[in-house]
Amino acid sequence: MKKIIAIAGATGNLGSKIVNALLAKEVEVRAIVRLETDIKKNKGIRTKRC
């Protein structure tokens, strides 16, 4: 069974590190962010399209 992990606050300092660490381990991640979040903050998060 494939697990998906949701990370709230994924664009924050700690959240982005958690997302990147999980992606490095080939874990499927969903980032939860506020609509008001500055799109530039996403640059610290690695992205991988499934």
N, C-alpha and C. Protein backbone atom coordinates (compact mmCIF):
# COMPACT_ATOMS: atom_id res chain seq x y z
N MET A 1 0.85 -1.18 0.00
CA MET A 1 0.00 0.00 0.00
C MET A 1 0.89 1.24 0.00
N LYS A 2 0.63 2.11 -0.94
CA LYS A 2 1.40 3.34 -1.06
C LYS A 2 0.83 4.39 -0.10
N LYS A 3 1.71 5.00 0.68
CA LYS A 3 1.26 6.02 1.64
C LYS A 3 1.59 7.40 1.11
N ILE A 4 0.69 8.33 1.37
CA ILE A 4 0.89 9.73 1.02
C ILE A 4 0.90 10.51 2.32
N ILE A 5 1.90 11.37 2.48
CA ILE A 5 2.01 12.17 3.70
C ILE A 5 1.70 13.62 3.36
N ALA A 6 0.80 14.21 4.14
CA ALA A 6 0.45 15.62 3.97
C ALA A 6 1.24 16.45 4.98
N ILE A 7 1.85 17.52 4.51
CA ILE A 7 2.63 18.40 5.37
C ILE A 7 1.98 19.78 5.38
N ALA A 8 1.51 20.19 6.54
CA ALA A 8 0.96 21.54 6.69
C ALA A 8 2.11 22.50 6.93
N GLY A 9 2.03 23.69 6.36
CA GLY A 9 3.09 24.67 6.53
C GLY A 9 4.33 24.31 5.71
N ALA A 10 4.12 23.71 4.56
CA ALA A 10 5.22 23.19 3.75
C ALA A 10 6.16 24.27 3.21
N THR A 11 5.73 25.52 3.17
CA THR A 11 6.61 26.58 2.67
C THR A 11 7.41 27.24 3.78
N GLY A 12 7.16 26.84 5.00
CA GLY A 12 7.90 27.40 6.12
C GLY A 12 9.30 26.82 6.22
N ASN A 13 10.08 27.33 7.12
CA ASN A 13 11.47 26.89 7.29
C ASN A 13 11.55 25.40 7.60
N LEU A 14 10.85 24.95 8.60
CA LEU A 14 10.89 23.54 8.98
C LEU A 14 10.11 22.67 8.00
N GLY A 15 8.94 23.14 7.58
CA GLY A 15 8.10 22.37 6.68
C GLY A 15 8.79 22.03 5.38
N SER A 16 9.52 22.99 4.81
CA SER A 16 10.21 22.73 3.53
C SER A 16 11.32 21.70 3.70
N LYS A 17 11.98 21.71 4.85
CA LYS A 17 13.02 20.71 5.11
C LYS A 17 12.42 19.32 5.25
N ILE A 18 11.28 19.24 5.89
CA ILE A 18 10.60 17.96 6.04
C ILE A 18 10.15 17.43 4.68
N VAL A 19 9.56 18.30 3.87
CA VAL A 19 9.12 17.90 2.54
C VAL A 19 10.30 17.37 1.72
N ASN A 20 11.38 18.11 1.69
CA ASN A 20 12.55 17.69 0.91
C ASN A 20 13.15 16.39 1.41
N ALA A 21 13.17 16.19 2.73
CA ALA A 21 13.70 14.95 3.29
C ALA A 21 12.82 13.76 2.90
N LEU A 22 11.52 13.94 2.93
CA LEU A 22 10.61 12.86 2.55
C LEU A 22 10.72 12.56 1.06
N LEU A 23 10.82 13.59 0.23
CA LEU A 23 10.97 13.38 -1.21
C LEU A 23 12.27 12.65 -1.54
N ALA A 24 13.32 12.94 -0.78
CA ALA A 24 14.60 12.26 -0.99
C ALA A 24 14.49 10.77 -0.69
N LYS A 25 13.53 10.40 0.17
CA LYS A 25 13.31 8.99 0.50
C LYS A 25 12.22 8.37 -0.36
N GLU A 26 11.85 9.08 -1.45
CA GLU A 26 10.85 8.57 -2.40
C GLU A 26 9.45 8.45 -1.80
N VAL A 27 9.15 9.25 -0.76
CA VAL A 27 7.82 9.26 -0.16
C VAL A 27 6.95 10.24 -0.93
N GLU A 28 5.70 9.86 -1.17
CA GLU A 28 4.78 10.76 -1.86
C GLU A 28 4.25 11.78 -0.86
N VAL A 29 4.38 13.07 -1.19
CA VAL A 29 4.05 14.15 -0.27
C VAL A 29 3.04 15.09 -0.90
N ARG A 30 2.13 15.59 -0.08
CA ARG A 30 1.21 16.65 -0.48
C ARG A 30 1.49 17.84 0.43
N ALA A 31 1.76 18.98 -0.18
CA ALA A 31 2.06 20.19 0.58
C ALA A 31 0.77 20.98 0.79
N ILE A 32 0.52 21.36 2.02
CA ILE A 32 -0.65 22.17 2.35
C ILE A 32 -0.16 23.58 2.69
N VAL A 33 -0.63 24.56 1.92
CA VAL A 33 -0.21 25.95 2.13
C VAL A 33 -1.43 26.87 2.11
N ARG A 34 -1.28 28.04 2.70
CA ARG A 34 -2.35 29.03 2.67
C ARG A 34 -2.43 29.69 1.30
N LEU A 35 -3.59 30.11 0.92
CA LEU A 35 -3.76 30.82 -0.34
C LEU A 35 -2.94 32.10 -0.39
N GLU A 36 -2.73 32.71 0.76
CA GLU A 36 -1.99 33.98 0.83
C GLU A 36 -0.48 33.80 0.76
N THR A 37 -0.01 32.57 0.75
CA THR A 37 1.43 32.30 0.76
C THR A 37 2.09 32.86 -0.49
N ASP A 38 3.19 33.54 -0.30
CA ASP A 38 3.96 34.09 -1.41
C ASP A 38 4.54 32.95 -2.24
N ILE A 39 4.26 32.96 -3.52
CA ILE A 39 4.71 31.88 -4.41
C ILE A 39 6.24 31.74 -4.41
N LYS A 40 6.95 32.81 -4.12
CA LYS A 40 8.42 32.76 -4.08
C LYS A 40 8.93 31.86 -2.97
N LYS A 41 8.12 31.65 -1.94
CA LYS A 41 8.55 30.79 -0.83
C LYS A 41 8.62 29.32 -1.25
N ASN A 42 7.99 28.98 -2.35
CA ASN A 42 8.00 27.60 -2.82
C ASN A 42 9.32 27.20 -3.44
N LYS A 43 10.20 28.16 -3.69
CA LYS A 43 11.45 27.83 -4.37
C LYS A 43 12.34 26.89 -3.55
N GLY A 44 12.15 26.85 -2.23
CA GLY A 44 12.96 25.97 -1.38
C GLY A 44 12.47 24.53 -1.37
N ILE A 45 11.33 24.29 -2.00
CA ILE A 45 10.76 22.95 -2.00
C ILE A 45 11.02 22.29 -3.35
N ARG A 46 11.60 21.13 -3.27
CA ARG A 46 11.82 20.34 -4.47
C ARG A 46 10.46 19.83 -4.95
N THR A 47 10.28 19.79 -6.24
CA THR A 47 9.01 19.28 -6.74
C THR A 47 9.25 18.07 -7.61
N LYS A 48 8.32 17.17 -7.55
CA LYS A 48 8.38 15.96 -8.35
C LYS A 48 6.95 15.66 -8.79
N ARG A 49 6.74 15.61 -10.07
CA ARG A 49 5.41 15.33 -10.61
C ARG A 49 5.20 13.83 -10.66
N CYS A 50 4.04 13.39 -10.21
CA CYS A 50 3.73 11.95 -10.24
C CYS A 50 2.99 11.61 -11.51
